[in-house]
Amino acid sequence: MLWVVLIMISIAIYQVPDLLRQKKWRELAAFALLWLTAGIYAFLAVIRYPLPSVIEALVFVNKILSLPFLKTGS
């Protein structure tokens, strides 16, 4: 679990200063959202929490948003 924390922190240390220096606020917000999502997913995977498959996640998103490119054909 410590490795997950160290890797996630090192990614942030590498990416965030450039985004701040260049004042790319939207990119920083997108990075933060993806970074947080990846960190939570990695943490849950390390503690062996039962995670849904990618297909189950796409079906769930399709039910909520009704995206036409995710239609299952039924």
PDB file of N, CA and C in Angstrom:
ATOM      1  N   MET A   1       0.822  -1.189   0.000  1.00  0.00           N
ATOM      2  CA  MET A   1       0.000   0.000   0.000  1.00  0.00           C
ATOM      3  C   MET A   1       0.869   1.256   0.000  1.00  0.00           C
ATOM      4  N   LEU A   2       2.007   1.189   0.649  1.00  0.00           N
ATOM      5  CA  LEU A   2       2.916   2.322   0.677  1.00  0.00           C
ATOM      6  C   LEU A   2       3.404   2.663  -0.725  1.00  0.00           C
ATOM      7  N   TRP A   3       3.602   1.630  -1.555  1.00  0.00           N
ATOM      8  CA  TRP A   3       4.056   1.867  -2.928  1.00  0.00           C
ATOM      9  C   TRP A   3       3.030   2.667  -3.715  1.00  0.00           C
ATOM     10  N   VAL A   4       1.774   2.387  -3.516  1.00  0.00           N
ATOM     11  CA  VAL A   4       0.720   3.132  -4.221  1.00  0.00           C
ATOM     12  C   VAL A   4       0.801   4.609  -3.846  1.00  0.00           C
ATOM     13  N   VAL A   5       0.928   4.884  -2.577  1.00  0.00           N
ATOM     14  CA  VAL A   5       1.003   6.274  -2.114  1.00  0.00           C
ATOM     15  C   VAL A   5       2.238   6.961  -2.686  1.00  0.00           C
ATOM     16  N   LEU A   6       3.380   6.289  -2.647  1.00  0.00           N
ATOM     17  CA  LEU A   6       4.613   6.882  -3.156  1.00  0.00           C
ATOM     18  C   LEU A   6       4.548   7.142  -4.657  1.00  0.00           C
ATOM     19  N   ILE A   7       3.999   6.213  -5.398  1.00  0.00           N
ATOM     20  CA  ILE A   7       3.890   6.391  -6.848  1.00  0.00           C
ATOM     21  C   ILE A   7       2.931   7.529  -7.173  1.00  0.00           C
ATOM     22  N   MET A   8       1.787   7.581  -6.499  1.00  0.00           N
ATOM     23  CA  MET A   8       0.824   8.640  -6.771  1.00  0.00           C
ATOM     24  C   MET A   8       1.400  10.018  -6.408  1.00  0.00           C
ATOM     25  N   ILE A   9       2.113  10.102  -5.312  1.00  0.00           N
ATOM     26  CA  ILE A   9       2.731  11.372  -4.925  1.00  0.00           C
ATOM     27  C   ILE A   9       3.803  11.773  -5.934  1.00  0.00           C
ATOM     28  N   SER A  10       4.589  10.807  -6.398  1.00  0.00           N
ATOM     29  CA  SER A  10       5.632  11.139  -7.370  1.00  0.00           C
ATOM     30  C   SER A  10       5.028  11.620  -8.691  1.00  0.00           C
ATOM     31  N   ILE A  11       3.910  11.050  -9.102  1.00  0.00           N
ATOM     32  CA  ILE A  11       3.233  11.514 -10.316  1.00  0.00           C
ATOM     33  C   ILE A  11       2.770  12.960 -10.135  1.00  0.00           C
ATOM     34  N   ALA A  12       2.190  13.244  -8.990  1.00  0.00           N
ATOM     35  CA  ALA A  12       1.716  14.612  -8.727  1.00  0.00           C
ATOM     36  C   ALA A  12       2.882  15.594  -8.675  1.00  0.00           C
ATOM     37  N   ILE A  13       3.973  15.209  -8.043  1.00  0.00           N
ATOM     38  CA  ILE A  13       5.141  16.090  -7.953  1.00  0.00           C
ATOM     39  C   ILE A  13       5.706  16.376  -9.342  1.00  0.00           C
ATOM     40  N   TYR A  14       5.621  15.412 -10.224  1.00  0.00           N
ATOM     41  CA  TYR A  14       6.139  15.579 -11.583  1.00  0.00           C
ATOM     42  C   TYR A  14       5.214  16.449 -12.439  1.00  0.00           C
ATOM     43  N   GLN A  15       3.899  16.314 -12.300  1.00  0.00           N
ATOM     44  CA  GLN A  15       2.948  16.977 -13.189  1.00  0.00           C
ATOM     45  C   GLN A  15       2.481  18.346 -12.711  1.00  0.00           C
ATOM     46  N   VAL A  16       2.185  18.495 -11.451  1.00  0.00           N
ATOM     47  CA  VAL A  16       1.508  19.696 -10.950  1.00  0.00           C
ATOM     48  C   VAL A  16       2.329  20.984 -11.095  1.00  0.00           C
ATOM     49  N   PRO A  17       3.620  20.999 -10.781  1.00  0.00           N
ATOM     50  CA  PRO A  17       4.344  22.275 -10.889  1.00  0.00           C
ATOM     51  C   PRO A  17       4.303  22.900 -12.291  1.00  0.00           C
ATOM     52  N   ASP A  18       4.427  22.095 -13.339  1.00  0.00           N
ATOM     53  CA  ASP A  18       4.347  22.644 -14.699  1.00  0.00           C
ATOM     54  C   ASP A  18       2.968  23.230 -14.986  1.00  0.00           C
ATOM     55  N   LEU A  19       1.935  22.541 -14.556  1.00  0.00           N
ATOM     56  CA  LEU A  19       0.576  23.049 -14.785  1.00  0.00           C
ATOM     57  C   LEU A  19       0.345  24.350 -14.033  1.00  0.00           C
ATOM     58  N   LEU A  20       0.867  24.440 -12.833  1.00  0.00           N
ATOM     59  CA  LEU A  20       0.727  25.681 -12.064  1.00  0.00           C
ATOM     60  C   LEU A  20       1.532  26.806 -12.702  1.00  0.00           C
ATOM     61  N   ARG A  21       2.760  26.519 -13.113  1.00  0.00           N
ATOM     62  CA  ARG A  21       3.629  27.526 -13.707  1.00  0.00           C
ATOM     63  C   ARG A  21       3.033  28.078 -15.000  1.00  0.00           C
ATOM     64  N   GLN A  22       2.420  27.211 -15.786  1.00  0.00           N
ATOM     65  CA  GLN A  22       1.840  27.623 -17.060  1.00  0.00           C
ATOM     66  C   GLN A  22       0.399  28.127 -16.909  1.00  0.00           C
ATOM     67  N   LYS A  23      -0.101  28.110 -15.680  1.00  0.00           N
ATOM     68  CA  LYS A  23      -1.459  28.574 -15.358  1.00  0.00           C
ATOM     69  C   LYS A  23      -2.519  27.859 -16.190  1.00  0.00           C
ATOM     70  N   LYS A  24      -2.378  26.569 -16.300  1.00  0.00           N
ATOM     71  CA  LYS A  24      -3.355  25.744 -17.014  1.00  0.00           C
ATOM     72  C   LYS A  24      -4.341  25.181 -15.990  1.00  0.00           C
ATOM     73  N   TRP A  25      -5.299  26.009 -15.618  1.00  0.00           N
ATOM     74  CA  TRP A  25      -6.196  25.670 -14.524  1.00  0.00           C
ATOM     75  C   TRP A  25      -7.145  24.531 -14.892  1.00  0.00           C
ATOM     76  N   ARG A  26      -7.658  24.524 -16.104  1.00  0.00           N
ATOM     77  CA  ARG A  26      -8.569  23.444 -16.501  1.00  0.00           C
ATOM     78  C   ARG A  26      -7.840  22.117 -16.587  1.00  0.00           C
ATOM     79  N   GLU A  27      -6.637  22.143 -17.126  1.00  0.00           N
ATOM     80  CA  GLU A  27      -5.847  20.918 -17.197  1.00  0.00           C
ATOM     81  C   GLU A  27      -5.497  20.415 -15.800  1.00  0.00           C
ATOM     82  N   LEU A  28      -5.210  21.353 -14.899  1.00  0.00           N
ATOM     83  CA  LEU A  28      -4.913  20.981 -13.514  1.00  0.00           C
ATOM     84  C   LEU A  28      -6.136  20.354 -12.849  1.00  0.00           C
ATOM     85  N   ALA A  29      -7.310  20.910 -13.097  1.00  0.00           N
ATOM     86  CA  ALA A  29      -8.536  20.350 -12.526  1.00  0.00           C
ATOM     87  C   ALA A  29      -8.801  18.956 -13.090  1.00  0.00           C
ATOM     88  N   ALA A  30      -8.612  18.788 -14.401  1.00  0.00           N
ATOM     89  CA  ALA A  30      -8.806  17.477 -15.016  1.00  0.00           C
ATOM     90  C   ALA A  30      -7.793  16.479 -14.482  1.00  0.00           C
ATOM     91  N   PHE A  31      -6.534  16.910 -14.367  1.00  0.00           N
ATOM     92  CA  PHE A  31      -5.503  16.038 -13.817  1.00  0.00           C
ATOM     93  C   PHE A  31      -5.851  15.624 -12.396  1.00  0.00           C
ATOM     94  N   ALA A  32      -6.279  16.585 -11.583  1.00  0.00           N
ATOM     95  CA  ALA A  32      -6.611  16.295 -10.189  1.00  0.00           C
ATOM     96  C   ALA A  32      -7.747  15.280 -10.089  1.00  0.00           C
ATOM     97  N   LEU A  33      -8.760  15.442 -10.930  1.00  0.00           N
ATOM     98  CA  LEU A  33      -9.884  14.513 -10.911  1.00  0.00           C
ATOM     99  C   LEU A  33      -9.440  13.103 -11.325  1.00  0.00           C
ATOM    100  N   LEU A  34      -8.695  13.014 -12.410  1.00  0.00           N
ATOM    101  CA  LEU A  34      -8.212  11.701 -12.855  1.00  0.00           C
ATOM    102  C   LEU A  34      -7.222  11.099 -11.870  1.00  0.00           C
ATOM    103  N   TRP A  35      -6.353  11.934 -11.312  1.00  0.00           N
ATOM    104  CA  TRP A  35      -5.359  11.471 -10.349  1.00  0.00           C
ATOM    105  C   TRP A  35      -6.039  10.922  -9.088  1.00  0.00           C
ATOM    106  N   LEU A  36      -7.039  11.630  -8.617  1.00  0.00           N
ATOM    107  CA  LEU A  36      -7.770  11.184  -7.432  1.00  0.00           C
ATOM    108  C   LEU A  36      -8.522   9.882  -7.709  1.00  0.00           C
ATOM    109  N   THR A  37      -9.159   9.800  -8.880  1.00  0.00           N
ATOM    110  CA  THR A  37      -9.876   8.586  -9.254  1.00  0.00           C
ATOM    111  C   THR A  37      -8.920   7.398  -9.353  1.00  0.00           C
ATOM    112  N   ALA A  38      -7.790   7.606 -10.004  1.00  0.00           N
ATOM    113  CA  ALA A  38      -6.795   6.535 -10.134  1.00  0.00           C
ATOM    114  C   ALA A  38      -6.238   6.139  -8.773  1.00  0.00           C
ATOM    115  N   GLY A  39      -6.018   7.115  -7.921  1.00  0.00           N
ATOM    116  CA  GLY A  39      -5.498   6.815  -6.587  1.00  0.00           C
ATOM    117  C   GLY A  39      -6.473   5.995  -5.754  1.00  0.00           C
ATOM    118  N   ILE A  40      -7.736   6.361  -5.809  1.00  0.00           N
ATOM    119  CA  ILE A  40      -8.749   5.603  -5.067  1.00  0.00           C
ATOM    120  C   ILE A  40      -8.863   4.187  -5.627  1.00  0.00           C
ATOM    121  N   TYR A  41      -8.880   4.067  -6.959  1.00  0.00           N
ATOM    122  CA  TYR A  41      -8.974   2.745  -7.585  1.00  0.00           C
ATOM    123  C   TYR A  41      -7.769   1.886  -7.218  1.00  0.00           C
ATOM    124  N   ALA A  42      -6.576   2.470  -7.271  1.00  0.00           N
ATOM    125  CA  ALA A  42      -5.368   1.719  -6.924  1.00  0.00           C
ATOM    126  C   ALA A  42      -5.385   1.294  -5.459  1.00  0.00           C
ATOM    127  N   PHE A  43      -5.817   2.192  -4.582  1.00  0.00           N
ATOM    128  CA  PHE A  43      -5.897   1.854  -3.163  1.00  0.00           C
ATOM    129  C   PHE A  43      -6.877   0.705  -2.935  1.00  0.00           C
ATOM    130  N   LEU A  44      -8.041   0.774  -3.576  1.00  0.00           N
ATOM    131  CA  LEU A  44      -9.029  -0.294  -3.417  1.00  0.00           C
ATOM    132  C   LEU A  44      -8.520  -1.614  -3.993  1.00  0.00           C
ATOM    133  N   ALA A  45      -7.778  -1.545  -5.089  1.00  0.00           N
ATOM    134  CA  ALA A  45      -7.213  -2.764  -5.678  1.00  0.00           C
ATOM    135  C   ALA A  45      -6.165  -3.376  -4.743  1.00  0.00           C
ATOM    136  N   VAL A  46      -5.364  -2.533  -4.094  1.00  0.00           N
ATOM    137  CA  VAL A  46      -4.322  -3.033  -3.191  1.00  0.00           C
ATOM    138  C   VAL A  46      -4.928  -3.729  -1.977  1.00  0.00           C
ATOM    139  N   ILE A  47      -6.016  -3.184  -1.460  1.00  0.00           N
ATOM    140  CA  ILE A  47      -6.630  -3.823  -0.287  1.00  0.00           C
ATOM    141  C   ILE A  47      -7.588  -4.944  -0.690  1.00  0.00           C
ATOM    142  N   ARG A  48      -7.591  -5.256  -1.997  1.00  0.00           N
ATOM    143  CA  ARG A  48      -8.382  -6.357  -2.567  1.00  0.00           C
ATOM    144  C   ARG A  48      -9.889  -6.183  -2.354  1.00  0.00           C
ATOM    145  N   TYR A  49     -10.342  -4.960  -2.507  1.00  0.00           N
ATOM    146  CA  TYR A  49     -11.773  -4.671  -2.463  1.00  0.00           C
ATOM    147  C   TYR A  49     -12.376  -5.156  -3.781  1.00  0.00           C
ATOM    148  N   PRO A  50     -13.527  -5.822  -3.737  1.00  0.00           N
ATOM    149  CA  PRO A  50     -14.107  -6.322  -4.989  1.00  0.00           C
ATOM    150  C   PRO A  50     -14.591  -5.162  -5.881  1.00  0.00           C
ATOM    151  N   LEU A  51     -13.875  -4.945  -6.970  1.00  0.00           N
ATOM    152  CA  LEU A  51     -14.182  -3.852  -7.888  1.00  0.00           C
ATOM    153  C   LEU A  51     -14.976  -4.364  -9.081  1.00  0.00           C
ATOM    154  N   PRO A  52     -15.854  -3.539  -9.643  1.00  0.00           N
ATOM    155  CA  PRO A  52     -16.617  -3.972 -10.821  1.00  0.00           C
ATOM    156  C   PRO A  52     -15.705  -4.047 -12.046  1.00  0.00           C
ATOM    157  N   SER A  53     -16.112  -4.868 -13.003  1.00  0.00           N
ATOM    158  CA  SER A  53     -15.355  -4.944 -14.246  1.00  0.00           C
ATOM    159  C   SER A  53     -15.617  -3.686 -15.068  1.00  0.00           C
ATOM    160  N   VAL A  54     -14.807  -3.478 -16.074  1.00  0.00           N
ATOM    161  CA  VAL A  54     -14.974  -2.310 -16.934  1.00  0.00           C
ATOM    162  C   VAL A  54     -16.327  -2.362 -17.649  1.00  0.00           C
ATOM    163  N   ILE A  55     -16.732  -3.552 -18.073  1.00  0.00           N
ATOM    164  CA  ILE A  55     -18.022  -3.698 -18.758  1.00  0.00           C
ATOM    165  C   ILE A  55     -19.167  -3.303 -17.831  1.00  0.00           C
ATOM    166  N   GLU A  56     -19.120  -3.746 -16.593  1.00  0.00           N
ATOM    167  CA  GLU A  56     -20.166  -3.378 -15.639  1.00  0.00           C
ATOM    168  C   GLU A  56     -20.207  -1.866 -15.427  1.00  0.00           C
ATOM    169  N   ALA A  57     -19.050  -1.230 -15.369  1.00  0.00           N
ATOM    170  CA  ALA A  57     -18.994   0.219 -15.191  1.00  0.00           C
ATOM    171  C   ALA A  57     -19.583   0.939 -16.405  1.00  0.00           C
ATOM    172  N   LEU A  58     -19.273   0.466 -17.617  1.00  0.00           N
ATOM    173  CA  LEU A  58     -19.825   1.083 -18.827  1.00  0.00           C
ATOM    174  C   LEU A  58     -21.337   0.913 -18.910  1.00  0.00           C
ATOM    175  N   VAL A  59     -21.831  -0.244 -18.519  1.00  0.00           N
ATOM    176  CA  VAL A  59     -23.285  -0.464 -18.519  1.00  0.00           C
ATOM    177  C   VAL A  59     -23.948   0.478 -17.518  1.00  0.00           C
ATOM    178  N   PHE A  60     -23.334   0.657 -16.372  1.00  0.00           N
ATOM    179  CA  PHE A  60     -23.864   1.572 -15.362  1.00  0.00           C
ATOM    180  C   PHE A  60     -23.908   3.005 -15.889  1.00  0.00           C
ATOM    181  N   VAL A  61     -22.824   3.447 -16.514  1.00  0.00           N
ATOM    182  CA  VAL A  61     -22.776   4.799 -17.084  1.00  0.00           C
ATOM    183  C   VAL A  61     -23.820   4.938 -18.188  1.00  0.00           C
ATOM    184  N   ASN A  62     -23.976   3.898 -18.996  1.00  0.00           N
ATOM    185  CA  ASN A  62     -24.954   3.927 -20.082  1.00  0.00           C
ATOM    186  C   ASN A  62     -26.378   4.071 -19.537  1.00  0.00           C
ATOM    187  N   LYS A  63     -26.668   3.405 -18.445  1.00  0.00           N
ATOM    188  CA  LYS A  63     -28.008   3.515 -17.851  1.00  0.00           C
ATOM    189  C   LYS A  63     -28.269   4.925 -17.329  1.00  0.00           C
ATOM    190  N   ILE A  64     -27.241   5.551 -16.783  1.00  0.00           N
ATOM    191  CA  ILE A  64     -27.416   6.886 -16.220  1.00  0.00           C
ATOM    192  C   ILE A  64     -27.472   7.944 -17.316  1.00  0.00           C
ATOM    193  N   LEU A  65     -26.522   7.907 -18.249  1.00  0.00           N
ATOM    194  CA  LEU A  65     -26.404   8.963 -19.253  1.00  0.00           C
ATOM    195  C   LEU A  65     -27.088   8.652 -20.569  1.00  0.00           C
ATOM    196  N   SER A  66     -27.400   7.393 -20.806  1.00  0.00           N
ATOM    197  CA  SER A  66     -28.002   6.943 -22.057  1.00  0.00           C
ATOM    198  C   SER A  66     -27.180   7.398 -23.262  1.00  0.00           C
ATOM    199  N   LEU A  67     -25.910   7.037 -23.269  1.00  0.00           N
ATOM    200  CA  LEU A  67     -25.010   7.401 -24.357  1.00  0.00           C
ATOM    201  C   LEU A  67     -25.246   6.486 -25.552  1.00  0.00           C
ATOM    202  N   PRO A  68     -25.456   7.052 -26.736  1.00  0.00           N
ATOM    203  CA  PRO A  68     -25.791   6.223 -27.910  1.00  0.00           C
ATOM    204  C   PRO A  68     -24.671   5.287 -28.338  1.00  0.00           C
ATOM    205  N   PHE A  69     -23.407   5.648 -28.122  1.00  0.00           N
ATOM    206  CA  PHE A  69     -22.310   4.786 -28.557  1.00  0.00           C
ATOM    207  C   PHE A  69     -22.059   3.634 -27.606  1.00  0.00           C
ATOM    208  N   LEU A  70     -22.767   3.577 -26.504  1.00  0.00           N
ATOM    209  CA  LEU A  70     -22.636   2.472 -25.547  1.00  0.00           C
ATOM    210  C   LEU A  70     -23.846   1.541 -25.576  1.00  0.00           C
ATOM    211  N   LYS A  71     -24.676   1.646 -26.585  1.00  0.00           N
ATOM    212  CA  LYS A  71     -25.874   0.794 -26.656  1.00  0.00           C
ATOM    213  C   LYS A  71     -25.462  -0.668 -26.760  1.00  0.00           C
ATOM    214  N   THR A  72     -26.163  -1.498 -26.005  1.00  0.00           N
ATOM    215  CA  THR A  72     -25.833  -2.921 -25.936  1.00  0.00           C
ATOM    216  C   THR A  72     -26.592  -3.735 -26.958  1.00  0.00           C
ATOM    217  N   GLY A  73     -27.522  -3.172 -27.683  1.00  0.00           N
ATOM    218  CA  GLY A  73     -28.262  -3.891 -28.712  1.00  0.00           C
ATOM    219  C   GLY A  73     -29.521  -4.544 -28.221  1.00  0.00           C
ATOM    220  N   SER A  74     -29.858  -4.397 -26.952  1.00  0.00           N
ATOM    221  CA  SER A  74     -31.082  -5.014 -26.434  1.00  0.00           C
ATOM    222  C   SER A  74     -32.225  -4.030 -26.400  1.00  0.00           C
TER     223      SER A  74
END
